[in-house]
C-alpha atoms as a PDB file:
ATOM      1  CA  UNK A   1      -0.211  -0.274   0.024  1.00  0.00           C
ATOM      2  CA  UNK A   2       1.079   3.240  -1.250  1.00  0.00           C
ATOM      3  CA  UNK A   3       1.869   5.941   1.492  1.00  0.00           C
ATOM      4  CA  UNK A   4       0.131   9.270   1.285  1.00  0.00           C
ATOM      5  CA  UNK A   5       2.620  12.238   1.416  1.00  0.00           C
ATOM      6  CA  UNK A   6       1.834  14.760   4.067  1.00  0.00           C
ATOM      7  CA  UNK A   7       0.043  17.820   3.578  1.00  0.00           C
ATOM      8  CA  UNK A   8       2.036  21.074   4.976  1.00  0.00           C
ATOM      9  CA  UNK A   9      -0.995  21.585   7.537  1.00  0.00           C
ATOM     10  CA  UNK A  10      -0.238  18.175   8.855  1.00  0.00           C
ATOM     11  CA  UNK A  11       3.402  18.643   9.646  1.00  0.00           C
ATOM     12  CA  UNK A  12       4.394  19.663  13.015  1.00  0.00           C
ATOM     13  CA  UNK A  13       7.944  21.098  13.117  1.00  0.00           C
ATOM     14  CA  UNK A  14      10.391  20.034  16.789  1.00  0.00           C
ATOM     15  CA  UNK A  15      12.254  23.093  17.380  1.00  0.00           C
ATOM     16  CA  UNK A  16      14.988  23.773  20.243  1.00  0.00           C
ATOM     17  CA  UNK A  17      16.179  26.153  21.959  1.00  0.00           C
ATOM     18  CA  UNK A  18      19.556  25.780  23.713  1.00  0.00           C
ATOM     19  CA  UNK A  19      20.862  28.283  26.633  1.00  0.00           C
ATOM     20  CA  UNK A  20      23.604  28.408  28.650  1.00  0.00           C
ATOM     21  CA  UNK A  21      23.804  30.494  32.154  1.00  0.00           C
ATOM     22  CA  UNK A  22      26.174  31.156  34.832  1.00  0.00           C
ATOM     23  CA  UNK A  23      24.887  30.856  38.231  1.00  0.00           C
ATOM     24  CA  UNK A  24      25.672  33.842  40.316  1.00  0.00           C
ATOM     25  CA  UNK A  25      26.437  32.218  43.393  1.00  0.00           C
ATOM     26  CA  UNK A  26      28.076  29.041  42.921  1.00  0.00           C
ATOM     27  CA  UNK A  27      29.970  29.912  39.329  1.00  0.00           C
ATOM     28  CA  UNK A  28      28.402  26.784  38.066  1.00  0.00           C
ATOM     29  CA  UNK A  29      27.225  26.772  34.345  1.00  0.00           C
ATOM     30  CA  UNK A  30      23.684  25.435  33.599  1.00  0.00           C
ATOM     31  CA  UNK A  31      22.638  24.223  30.177  1.00  0.00           C
ATOM     32  CA  UNK A  32      19.103  24.022  29.607  1.00  0.00           C
ATOM     33  CA  UNK A  33      17.206  22.982  26.768  1.00  0.00           C
ATOM     34  CA  UNK A  34      13.442  23.576  25.569  1.00  0.00           C
ATOM     35  CA  UNK A  35      11.944  22.215  23.000  1.00  0.00           C
ATOM     36  CA  UNK A  36       8.306  22.859  21.675  1.00  0.00           C
ATOM     37  CA  UNK A  37       6.581  21.956  18.558  1.00  0.00           C
ATOM     38  CA  UNK A  38       5.017  24.347  16.081  1.00  0.00           C
ATOM     39  CA  UNK A  39       2.960  23.846  13.121  1.00  0.00           C
ATOM     40  CA  UNK A  40       4.711  24.034   9.425  1.00  0.00           C
ATOM     41  CA  UNK A  41       2.543  26.378   8.634  1.00  0.00           C
ATOM     42  CA  UNK A  42       2.918  28.827  11.238  1.00  0.00           C
ATOM     43  CA  UNK A  43       6.708  29.614  10.494  1.00  0.00           C
ATOM     44  CA  UNK A  44       7.537  32.833   9.276  1.00  0.00           C
ATOM     45  CA  UNK A  45       9.414  33.296   5.859  1.00  0.00           C
ATOM     46  CA  UNK A  46      13.223  33.978   7.750  1.00  0.00           C
ATOM     47  CA  UNK A  47      11.991  30.435   9.896  1.00  0.00           C
ATOM     48  CA  UNK A  48      11.541  28.643   6.727  1.00  0.00           C
ATOM     49  CA  UNK A  49      14.458  30.055   5.118  1.00  0.00           C
ATOM     50  CA  UNK A  50      16.403  28.647   7.991  1.00  0.00           C
ATOM     51  CA  UNK A  51      14.942  25.573   8.065  1.00  0.00           C
ATOM     52  CA  UNK A  52      15.188  24.799   4.333  1.00  0.00           C
ATOM     53  CA  UNK A  53      18.926  26.226   4.450  1.00  0.00           C
ATOM     54  CA  UNK A  54      19.547  23.540   7.432  1.00  0.00           C
ATOM     55  CA  UNK A  55      17.989  20.548   5.664  1.00  0.00           C
ATOM     56  CA  UNK A  56      19.893  21.195   2.712  1.00  0.00           C
ATOM     57  CA  UNK A  57      23.198  20.859   4.326  1.00  0.00           C
ATOM     58  CA  UNK A  58      22.382  16.851   5.631  1.00  0.00           C
ATOM     59  CA  UNK A  59      24.223  14.143   4.457  1.00  0.00           C
ATOM     60  CA  UNK A  60      22.300  11.519   3.239  1.00  0.00           C
ATOM     61  CA  UNK A  61      22.672   9.513   5.975  1.00  0.00           C
ATOM     62  CA  UNK A  62      21.126  12.420   8.452  1.00  0.00           C
ATOM     63  CA  UNK A  63      18.293  12.621   5.937  1.00  0.00           C
ATOM     64  CA  UNK A  64      17.511   8.699   5.675  1.00  0.00           C
ATOM     65  CA  UNK A  65      17.693   8.634   9.827  1.00  0.00           C
ATOM     66  CA  UNK A  66      15.370  11.764  10.522  1.00  0.00           C
ATOM     67  CA  UNK A  67      13.008  10.052   7.890  1.00  0.00           C
ATOM     68  CA  UNK A  68      13.409  12.866   5.151  1.00  0.00           C
ATOM     69  CA  UNK A  69      11.276  10.449   2.517  1.00  0.00           C
ATOM     70  CA  UNK A  70       8.083  10.879   4.432  1.00  0.00           C
ATOM     71  CA  UNK A  71       8.171  14.566   4.842  1.00  0.00           C
ATOM     72  CA  UNK A  72      10.960  16.395   3.001  1.00  0.00           C
ATOM     73  CA  UNK A  73       9.919  16.526  -0.101  1.00  0.00           C
ATOM     74  CA  UNK A  74       6.284  18.368   0.769  1.00  0.00           C
ATOM     75  CA  UNK A  75       8.237  20.992   3.730  1.00  0.00           C
ATOM     76  CA  UNK A  76      10.948  22.052   0.952  1.00  0.00           C
ATOM     77  CA  UNK A  77       8.085  22.253  -1.373  1.00  0.00           C
ATOM     78  CA  UNK A  78       6.391  24.483   1.598  1.00  0.00           C
ATOM     79  CA  UNK A  79       9.372  26.464   2.275  1.00  0.00           C
ATOM     80  CA  UNK A  80      10.026  27.603  -1.175  1.00  0.00           C
ATOM     81  CA  UNK A  81       6.284  28.598  -1.759  1.00  0.00           C
ATOM     82  CA  UNK A  82       5.827  30.594   0.830  1.00  0.00           C
ATOM     83  CA  UNK A  83       9.720  32.159   0.487  1.00  0.00           C
ATOM     84  CA  UNK A  84       8.582  32.944  -3.265  1.00  0.00           C
ATOM     85  CA  UNK A  85       5.320  33.950  -2.489  1.00  0.00           C
ATOM     86  CA  UNK A  86       6.304  36.635  -0.188  1.00  0.00           C
ATOM     87  CA  UNK A  87       9.076  38.033  -2.072  1.00  0.00           C
ATOM     88  CA  UNK A  88       6.682  38.447  -4.790  1.00  0.00           C
ATOM     89  CA  UNK A  89       4.695  40.125  -2.583  1.00  0.00           C
ATOM     90  CA  UNK A  90       7.368  42.336  -1.858  1.00  0.00           C
ATOM     91  CA  UNK A  91       8.544  43.611  -5.341  1.00  0.00           C
ATOM     92  CA  UNK A  92       4.937  44.182  -5.883  1.00  0.00           C
ATOM     93  CA  UNK A  93       4.510  46.320  -2.881  1.00  0.00           C
ATOM     94  CA  UNK A  94       7.858  48.278  -3.909  1.00  0.00           C
ATOM     95  CA  UNK A  95       6.422  48.947  -7.958  1.00  0.00           C
ATOM     96  CA  UNK A  96       3.168  49.886  -6.372  1.00  0.00           C
ATOM     97  CA  UNK A  97       5.049  52.524  -3.951  1.00  0.00           C
ATOM     98  CA  UNK A  98       7.311  53.769  -7.363  1.00  0.00           C
ATOM     99  CA  UNK A  99       3.999  53.665  -9.232  1.00  0.00           C
ATOM    100  CA  UNK A 100       2.369  56.330  -6.564  1.00  0.00           C
ATOM    101  CA  UNK A 101       5.256  58.301  -6.493  1.00  0.00           C
END
């Protein structure tokens, strides 16, 4: 049975924020990791650009480990379509402003 490709609105991105904090009294360093899940469709243009860049930098072994074959193509298409549409929107806005001047 052939698996259906997931739609962008069905894909959730796991994000991680790592911080180092030096504790004032002891001088020890605290390493904290905060993970959270976000729908792919809520990421902004810059976040999508970063995600796409990171994915495209992965070696084949990493892609295989992360299951890229299941979600990679629709994520890449979503990233590119949003980035292109927003860039087109900026260009259209620039042309509109130039015409108004």
